[in-house]
Each structure stands twice: as C-alpha cells, then as structure tokens.
Amino acid sequence: MQQVTIVGLGLIGASIGLGLRRWATDGGQRTSPFRIVGFDIELLHQNEAKRIKAVDRTTWTLAEALEGADLIVVATPPSAVPEVFTTIAEHAPDGAVVTDTCSTKAAVMRWASEFLPARLHFVGGHPMAGKTQSIEGADADLFRGAVWVITPSLTASQQAIETVLGMVQALGAEPRFLDPEEHDSYVAAISHLPFLLSVTLMQVTSSDVAWREMRQLAAGGFRDTTRLALGSPQMYRDICATNAPAILRWLDRAIGELQQLRDLIADGSEQALAELRETFERARDARAEWAVLERRPGEPPQETASELSQLSVGQHLQQLFLGGLVGRRRPEKEQGGRKPTGKH
C-alpha cells in the first residue's frame, strides 16, 4: 500500500486528506489504495484531522510521519518550509515525491534546491483556493474547479510530475504550469494586494474615534471588502517576507491609482468628475468582462477537455496518481536487491 504524508494539517492539508479519501471511495474500490499519514506541530490539529478522517493516523514527530512515504505534501506556512525540507532530506525514503502548497514559489523552489537531495523529486505547487478558516473549515470540495499551479524543479522526474498532476486532478482542481517568478508576480496582484487593501480599510475605519457608531452602519460592501483581513497573520507575514519585490510593485501601482482618484475628487471640476466617472466605468466593464469569461467551477479548459476525452476520468486518475506511485521503484529489498540510484 502506498503512503501519502501530509505535513501541516490546517485548512489546506486537511482538505487534501479529505479530498483524496473521497476520491478513493468514489472510485468504487473496496479498500483505499493508499494510507494517509499526517503531522502538525499543533496537537489540536492532529486530533481534529483524525476525528474528521482527513488522515488515517498521525505521529509524534515529523521523522516518523516520513517513514515509508511515497508522496509528501508540505502544507505549512512558508517560514516553516526550510526546517521541514531539512527533516525531509534526512528521513524521507529514496525516490519519494515532494510537493508543497505555499503561496509563493520562487523562495520555495530555491529552498528545495538548497535543502533537498537529488534522491528526492520536488514538484512545487500552489492551489488557488482557500478560506479565512483553519482546519475547522476543511472541505473535500475546497479545490474543485480551482487552478492548481505547478512549478516542477529542474531535476524532477516525469513520473514525479505525473504523480502530483494525478493528485491535483483527484482533488478536482485544474493544473496550470507556471514559471515561479511569473507566479509570484501574478499572485501578488490578485491575492496578496487584495489582502493588504482589506487590511488597510479595516485599519483606517476601526482606528477612528467614530468606529463604535460607524460599525453599526456597515453592511455587505464593507463586509465583503474586509473579509480577507481575517486571514492568518503568520501566513501573510511569511508571504510578504518571501514575495516583497512583486508585492511592492503592485502596492506602488495601487497607491498611484488611489492618489489619482484623490486628485480628481479634490479637483471637483466638471472635467475631473467626468474623468472620475470614466475611471469607474472602465473598472466596472473590466470586472464584468472577467465575470463573463471566468469558467464555471469544474469546467476544464479546452485543451484539458480534449486530452481527457481520450480516457475516462477514472482511467486518467488511475494512470497518473496510482500509476505514478506504484510504478516508481521501491527500495532495494522489494526490487530483488537492486538499489535505487537517485538519478532523475
């Protein structure tokens, strides 16, 4: 039986466990084709993950969780990754596939190159899905229809990439290959900047002397705009630390736009108000166009649909996920004495 080890049992890690468990069940197999082992430094997270059956078992130490692992999913905050990679390098079996779910990729890819030995296969990943909750919000459907960015290391084997692709599709997500720096620039705009703007609005209003009265009037618009401020302070601190150049570029552009809006409002002339309206119209039209073009949840891109048409979904997942795991060479004692070389 193959083993999936999930390191970090918050919202993302626990949801991966739930999603994989349901995929195995929906496949009609009488027994699961793999076991899921979980580890988290928070004992409460471990206990909750076992209670909701996101994992089969948990361990006291990360080293124990890595024993016998075929696929290792690192779902921790970015700041924990170097230490986790160091432990993986020491205790993971030869040939294990390692992936992650961090919101920034360039730093993680650099750490993988620095800490993980050639005998392991690293494929970076980032699911573009989430909530402001932790494990209490874990959901087997969290990734359904979401884009899952894939950034393989230069030394990752084809089999390792297929294993991660299989996991992603088993969770109902859509894999998308991106360059790490390109990824970081994009998410700085569409994920990290919205959080910072949400924090800014919350800070500006809640620090005002009239907040006690003001908050009684706040309704849907304020609630929607400030929702992201509920996100994990530790996670976003790590994001800002590991993606500062890209975030600063988009922050500067946002500050410039706000300054332009301020200047137009302060001007108050007919021409300024006309420009203000044109700005609002452009933003409205761009938002409406994006909403129309956005795919329905779970609808694959055209190229993916044509590829999947060659196989049933069950066959495709079986070949990618189980094939990637089962097909990889096992340790020496299971391969007639032939020792893995660790080469990719």
Protein backbone atom coordinates (compact mmCIF):
# COMPACT_ATOMS: atom_id res chain seq x y z
CA MET A 1 0.00 0.00 0.00
CA GLN A 2 1.29 3.45 -0.94
CA GLN A 3 1.64 6.23 1.61
CA VAL A 4 0.78 9.92 1.35
CA THR A 5 2.25 12.06 4.14
CA ILE A 6 0.71 15.48 4.74
CA VAL A 7 2.86 17.91 6.72
CA GLY A 8 0.64 20.66 8.14
CA LEU A 9 -2.98 19.91 8.99
CA GLY A 10 -4.61 23.29 8.64
CA LEU A 11 -7.29 24.14 6.08
CA ILE A 12 -5.26 23.11 3.04
CA GLY A 13 -3.60 19.98 4.43
CA ALA A 14 -6.78 18.60 5.97
CA SER A 15 -8.80 19.38 2.82
CA ILE A 16 -6.26 17.49 0.71
CA GLY A 17 -6.65 14.48 3.00
CA LEU A 18 -10.46 14.64 2.82
CA GLY A 19 -10.39 15.05 -0.95
CA LEU A 20 -8.06 12.11 -1.52
CA ARG A 21 -10.08 9.93 0.83
CA ARG A 22 -13.30 10.73 -1.01
CA TRP A 23 -11.67 10.14 -4.41
CA ALA A 24 -10.60 6.68 -3.27
CA THR A 25 -14.12 5.96 -2.02
CA ASP A 26 -15.86 7.34 -5.12
CA GLY A 27 -13.64 5.12 -7.26
CA GLY A 28 -15.63 2.16 -6.01
CA GLN A 29 -12.61 0.41 -4.55
CA ARG A 30 -13.33 -1.74 -1.53
CA THR A 31 -10.12 -0.70 0.18
CA SER A 32 -8.17 2.54 -0.13
CA PRO A 33 -5.16 2.26 -2.49
CA PHE A 34 -3.10 4.36 -0.09
CA ARG A 35 -2.85 5.37 3.55
CA ILE A 36 -2.66 8.99 4.65
CA VAL A 37 -0.31 9.93 7.48
CA GLY A 38 -0.48 13.43 8.93
CA PHE A 39 1.75 15.59 11.07
CA ASP A 40 1.25 19.04 12.58
CA ILE A 41 3.08 20.80 15.41
CA GLU A 42 -0.36 21.64 16.84
CA LEU A 43 -1.75 18.62 18.67
CA LEU A 44 -5.29 20.01 18.36
CA HIS A 45 -4.93 19.99 14.58
CA GLN A 46 -3.74 16.39 14.64
CA ASN A 47 -6.68 15.31 16.78
CA GLU A 48 -9.20 17.16 14.61
CA ALA A 49 -7.71 15.71 11.42
CA LYS A 50 -8.18 12.20 12.81
CA ARG A 51 -11.70 13.00 14.02
CA ILE A 52 -12.87 14.16 10.59
CA LYS A 53 -10.98 11.29 8.94
CA ALA A 54 -8.70 13.53 6.87
CA VAL A 55 -5.84 11.19 7.84
CA ASP A 56 -5.56 7.55 8.84
CA ARG A 57 -3.07 8.29 11.59
CA THR A 58 -0.81 10.99 12.98
CA THR A 59 2.64 10.80 14.52
CA TRP A 60 4.50 12.49 17.36
CA THR A 61 7.37 13.59 15.15
CA LEU A 62 7.81 14.59 11.53
CA ALA A 63 10.54 11.99 11.11
CA GLU A 64 8.03 9.24 11.99
CA ALA A 65 5.47 10.63 9.53
CA LEU A 66 8.05 10.45 6.75
CA GLU A 67 8.85 6.77 7.22
CA GLY A 68 7.65 4.85 4.16
CA ALA A 69 6.26 7.96 2.44
CA ASP A 70 5.80 7.82 -1.33
CA LEU A 71 4.25 11.28 -1.73
CA ILE A 72 4.95 14.09 0.76
CA VAL A 73 2.73 17.18 0.73
CA VAL A 74 4.12 20.17 2.63
CA ALA A 75 1.16 22.37 3.62
CA THR A 76 2.85 24.67 6.12
CA PRO A 77 3.43 28.44 6.24
CA PRO A 78 6.41 29.46 4.09
CA SER A 79 8.60 30.25 7.12
CA ALA A 80 8.43 26.60 8.22
CA VAL A 81 9.49 25.19 4.85
CA PRO A 82 13.32 25.29 5.26
CA GLU A 83 13.15 23.33 8.53
CA VAL A 84 10.62 20.87 7.08
CA PHE A 85 12.78 20.36 3.98
CA THR A 86 15.81 19.72 6.18
CA THR A 87 13.94 16.96 8.03
CA ILE A 88 12.61 15.52 4.77
CA ALA A 89 16.13 15.43 3.35
CA GLU A 90 17.26 13.35 6.32
CA HIS A 91 14.32 10.98 6.77
CA ALA A 92 12.33 10.64 3.51
CA PRO A 93 12.82 7.36 1.57
CA ASP A 94 14.78 7.33 -1.68
CA GLY A 95 12.63 8.28 -4.67
CA ALA A 96 9.88 9.98 -2.64
CA VAL A 97 7.96 12.73 -4.42
CA VAL A 98 7.75 16.02 -2.51
CA THR A 99 5.33 18.84 -3.27
CA ASP A 100 4.08 21.92 -1.42
CA THR A 101 1.11 24.29 -1.30
CA CYS A 102 2.83 27.60 -0.44
CA SER A 103 1.52 30.90 -1.81
CA THR A 104 4.95 31.97 -3.04
CA LYS A 105 7.02 29.79 -5.30
CA ALA A 106 10.42 31.35 -6.11
CA ALA A 107 11.62 31.14 -2.50
CA VAL A 108 10.28 27.60 -2.06
CA MET A 109 11.96 26.43 -5.28
CA ARG A 110 15.22 27.95 -4.04
CA TRP A 111 14.89 26.15 -0.69
CA ALA A 112 14.12 22.87 -2.45
CA SER A 113 17.29 23.20 -4.50
CA GLU A 114 19.28 24.04 -1.38
CA PHE A 115 17.93 21.50 1.12
CA LEU A 116 16.52 18.52 -0.79
CA PRO A 117 18.96 15.90 -2.16
CA ALA A 118 18.86 14.56 -5.72
CA ARG A 119 17.42 11.25 -4.49
CA LEU A 120 14.09 13.07 -3.89
CA HIS A 121 11.82 14.56 -6.57
CA PHE A 122 10.40 18.03 -5.85
CA VAL A 123 7.42 19.47 -7.73
CA GLY A 124 6.24 22.85 -6.44
CA GLY A 125 2.52 23.59 -6.21
CA HIS A 126 0.01 26.22 -5.14
CA PRO A 127 -3.76 25.63 -5.05
CA MET A 128 -5.60 28.87 -5.81
CA ALA A 129 -8.29 28.16 -3.25
CA GLY A 130 -8.84 28.81 0.42
CA LYS A 131 -10.91 30.31 3.20
CA THR A 132 -10.20 32.51 6.19
CA GLN A 133 -10.69 29.46 8.44
CA SER A 134 -8.19 26.81 9.51
CA ILE A 135 -8.89 23.08 9.90
CA GLU A 136 -12.44 23.76 11.08
CA GLY A 137 -13.20 24.79 7.50
CA ALA A 138 -11.61 21.71 5.89
CA ASP A 139 -13.65 20.55 2.90
CA ALA A 140 -13.17 17.75 0.37
CA ASP A 141 -14.59 20.13 -2.28
CA LEU A 142 -12.24 23.03 -1.47
CA PHE A 143 -10.17 22.58 -4.64
CA ARG A 144 -12.91 21.55 -7.06
CA GLY A 145 -12.71 23.74 -10.16
CA ALA A 146 -9.78 25.75 -8.76
CA VAL A 147 -6.50 26.31 -10.57
CA TRP A 148 -3.54 24.46 -9.02
CA VAL A 149 -0.25 25.99 -10.13
CA ILE A 150 2.57 23.50 -10.82
CA THR A 151 6.25 24.55 -10.79
CA PRO A 152 8.47 21.46 -11.16
CA SER A 153 12.12 21.62 -10.17
CA LEU A 154 14.62 21.18 -13.00
CA THR A 155 15.56 17.75 -11.65
CA ALA A 156 12.02 16.44 -11.10
CA SER A 157 11.32 13.22 -12.98
CA GLN A 158 8.41 12.88 -15.38
CA GLN A 159 6.95 10.25 -13.09
CA ALA A 160 7.08 12.66 -10.15
CA ILE A 161 5.29 15.35 -12.15
CA GLU A 162 2.62 12.85 -13.20
CA THR A 163 2.14 11.80 -9.58
CA VAL A 164 1.46 15.39 -8.50
CA LEU A 165 -0.77 16.01 -11.53
CA GLY A 166 -2.75 12.92 -10.58
CA MET A 167 -3.20 14.16 -7.02
CA VAL A 168 -4.34 17.56 -8.29
CA GLN A 169 -6.92 16.08 -10.63
CA ALA A 170 -8.08 13.61 -7.98
CA LEU A 171 -8.91 16.67 -5.88
CA GLY A 172 -10.94 18.15 -8.75
CA ALA A 173 -8.52 21.00 -9.47
CA GLU A 174 -7.11 22.16 -12.80
CA PRO A 175 -3.29 22.01 -13.07
CA ARG A 176 -1.53 25.01 -14.63
CA PHE A 177 2.23 25.13 -15.24
CA LEU A 178 3.87 28.48 -14.46
CA ASP A 179 7.36 29.87 -14.02
CA PRO A 180 7.93 30.53 -10.26
CA GLU A 181 8.74 34.25 -10.70
CA GLU A 182 5.78 34.69 -13.04
CA HIS A 183 3.54 33.00 -10.49
CA ASP A 184 4.76 35.26 -7.69
CA SER A 185 4.11 38.39 -9.75
CA TYR A 186 0.58 37.28 -10.64
CA VAL A 187 -0.48 36.25 -7.12
CA ALA A 188 0.99 39.45 -5.69
CA ALA A 189 -1.64 41.30 -7.77
CA ILE A 190 -4.68 39.05 -7.44
CA SER A 191 -4.14 37.60 -3.95
CA HIS A 192 -1.60 39.47 -1.83
CA LEU A 193 -2.59 43.02 -2.81
CA PRO A 194 -6.32 42.40 -2.10
CA PHE A 195 -5.38 41.22 1.39
CA LEU A 196 -3.31 44.36 2.04
CA LEU A 197 -6.11 46.60 0.76
CA SER A 198 -8.56 44.76 3.01
CA VAL A 199 -6.25 45.25 5.98
CA THR A 200 -5.88 48.94 5.11
CA LEU A 201 -9.63 49.53 5.05
CA MET A 202 -10.07 47.69 8.33
CA GLN A 203 -7.24 49.66 9.94
CA VAL A 204 -8.48 53.04 8.70
CA THR A 205 -12.04 52.55 9.90
CA SER A 206 -11.52 50.61 13.12
CA SER A 207 -8.91 53.07 14.42
CA ASP A 208 -11.24 56.06 14.01
CA VAL A 209 -12.88 57.51 17.11
CA ALA A 210 -16.29 57.06 15.46
CA TRP A 211 -15.80 53.32 14.82
CA ARG A 212 -18.23 52.27 17.57
CA GLU A 213 -21.08 54.11 15.85
CA MET A 214 -19.79 53.59 12.31
CA ARG A 215 -19.64 49.81 12.54
CA GLN A 216 -23.36 49.64 13.27
CA LEU A 217 -24.00 51.01 9.76
CA ALA A 218 -21.54 48.69 7.98
CA ALA A 219 -23.25 46.25 5.62
CA GLY A 220 -22.47 43.92 2.72
CA GLY A 221 -19.98 46.07 0.84
CA PHE A 222 -17.81 46.68 3.89
CA ARG A 223 -18.13 43.07 4.99
CA ASP A 224 -17.09 41.71 1.58
CA THR A 225 -14.18 44.11 1.19
CA THR A 226 -12.72 43.46 4.65
CA ARG A 227 -13.25 39.68 4.73
CA LEU A 228 -9.66 38.97 3.70
CA ALA A 229 -8.37 40.78 6.80
CA LEU A 230 -9.47 37.68 8.72
CA GLY A 231 -6.63 35.74 7.05
CA SER A 232 -3.79 34.20 9.04
CA PRO A 233 -1.38 36.96 10.18
CA GLN A 234 1.50 34.46 10.26
CA MET A 235 0.83 33.23 6.74
CA TYR A 236 0.60 36.71 5.26
CA ARG A 237 3.68 37.86 7.18
CA ASP A 238 5.54 34.99 5.52
CA ILE A 239 4.07 35.89 2.14
CA CYS A 240 5.26 39.49 2.44
CA ALA A 241 8.71 38.30 3.53
CA THR A 242 9.10 35.89 0.60
CA ASN A 243 7.44 37.93 -2.15
CA ALA A 244 8.37 41.51 -1.26
CA PRO A 245 9.58 42.79 -4.69
CA ALA A 246 6.42 41.74 -6.52
CA ILE A 247 4.13 42.96 -3.73
CA LEU A 248 5.88 46.35 -3.59
CA ARG A 249 5.47 46.81 -7.34
CA TRP A 250 1.72 46.25 -7.16
CA LEU A 251 1.39 48.30 -3.97
CA ASP A 252 3.07 51.24 -5.70
CA ARG A 253 0.64 50.95 -8.60
CA ALA A 254 -2.32 50.80 -6.22
CA ILE A 255 -1.07 53.85 -4.31
CA GLY A 256 -0.71 55.68 -7.62
CA GLU A 257 -4.29 54.83 -8.59
CA LEU A 258 -5.60 55.97 -5.19
CA GLN A 259 -3.65 59.21 -5.49
CA GLN A 260 -5.14 59.82 -8.92
CA LEU A 261 -8.64 59.22 -7.58
CA ARG A 262 -7.94 61.57 -4.70
CA ASP A 263 -6.72 64.29 -7.07
CA LEU A 264 -9.83 64.01 -9.22
CA ILE A 265 -12.15 64.14 -6.22
CA ALA A 266 -10.25 67.08 -4.73
CA ASP A 267 -10.39 68.94 -8.05
CA GLY A 268 -14.18 68.70 -8.21
CA SER A 269 -14.43 70.36 -11.64
CA GLU A 270 -16.76 69.09 -14.32
CA GLN A 271 -13.81 67.69 -16.26
CA ALA A 272 -12.41 65.95 -13.15
CA LEU A 273 -15.78 64.44 -12.32
CA ALA A 274 -16.14 63.25 -15.92
CA GLU A 275 -12.71 61.57 -15.68
CA LEU A 276 -13.77 60.04 -12.38
CA ARG A 277 -16.87 58.57 -13.95
CA GLU A 278 -14.81 57.22 -16.87
CA THR A 279 -12.48 55.53 -14.37
CA PHE A 280 -15.43 53.92 -12.62
CA GLU A 281 -16.87 52.77 -15.95
CA ARG A 282 -13.58 51.20 -17.04
CA ALA A 283 -13.32 49.33 -13.74
CA ARG A 284 -16.96 48.20 -13.96
CA ASP A 285 -16.55 46.99 -17.54
CA ALA A 286 -13.30 45.14 -16.77
CA ARG A 287 -14.95 43.44 -13.79
CA ALA A 288 -17.99 42.47 -15.84
CA GLU A 289 -15.85 41.08 -18.65
CA TRP A 290 -13.82 38.99 -16.22
CA ALA A 291 -17.01 37.63 -14.63
CA VAL A 292 -18.34 36.57 -18.04
CA LEU A 293 -15.09 34.97 -19.17
CA GLU A 294 -14.50 33.14 -15.90
CA ARG A 295 -15.10 29.40 -16.32
CA ARG A 296 -17.79 27.67 -14.40
CA PRO A 297 -16.48 25.69 -11.39
CA GLY A 298 -15.17 22.34 -12.53
CA GLU A 299 -15.22 23.18 -16.25
CA PRO A 300 -11.82 22.21 -17.71
CA PRO A 301 -10.00 24.37 -20.23
CA GLN A 302 -10.49 23.34 -23.88
CA GLU A 303 -7.09 21.69 -24.19
CA THR A 304 -7.56 19.72 -20.99
CA ALA A 305 -11.02 18.58 -22.08
CA SER A 306 -9.68 17.24 -25.38
CA GLU A 307 -6.90 15.37 -23.60
CA LEU A 308 -9.24 13.84 -21.05
CA SER A 309 -11.61 12.73 -23.79
CA GLN A 310 -9.10 10.02 -24.71
CA LEU A 311 -9.62 8.35 -21.33
CA SER A 312 -12.37 8.13 -18.81
CA VAL A 313 -11.73 10.28 -15.74
CA GLY A 314 -11.25 7.17 -13.65
CA GLN A 315 -8.66 5.77 -16.05
CA HIS A 316 -6.84 9.08 -16.25
CA LEU A 317 -6.54 9.43 -12.48
CA GLN A 318 -5.60 5.80 -12.10
CA GLN A 319 -2.75 6.20 -14.59
CA LEU A 320 -1.48 9.50 -13.24
CA PHE A 321 -1.87 9.11 -9.49
CA LEU A 322 -1.70 5.43 -8.75
CA GLY A 323 0.49 4.76 -11.76
CA GLY A 324 2.94 7.40 -10.65
CA LEU A 325 3.14 5.97 -7.17
CA VAL A 326 3.03 2.26 -7.85
CA GLY A 327 5.25 2.43 -10.91
CA ARG A 328 8.16 4.02 -9.11
CA ARG A 329 10.97 1.76 -7.96
CA ARG A 330 10.73 0.53 -4.41
CA PRO A 331 13.65 0.17 -2.01
CA GLU A 332 16.29 -2.49 -2.54
CA LYS A 333 14.62 -5.26 -0.57
CA GLU A 334 11.50 -5.00 -2.78
CA GLN A 335 13.39 -4.87 -6.06
CA GLY A 336 15.44 -8.01 -5.98
CA GLY A 337 18.46 -6.32 -4.46
CA ARG A 338 18.79 -3.52 -6.97
CA LYS A 339 19.47 -0.27 -5.18
CA PRO A 340 17.92 2.97 -6.46
CA THR A 341 20.48 5.31 -7.98
CA GLY A 342 18.72 8.54 -7.02
CA LYS A 343 19.29 9.90 -10.53
CA HIS A 344 16.39 11.57 -12.30
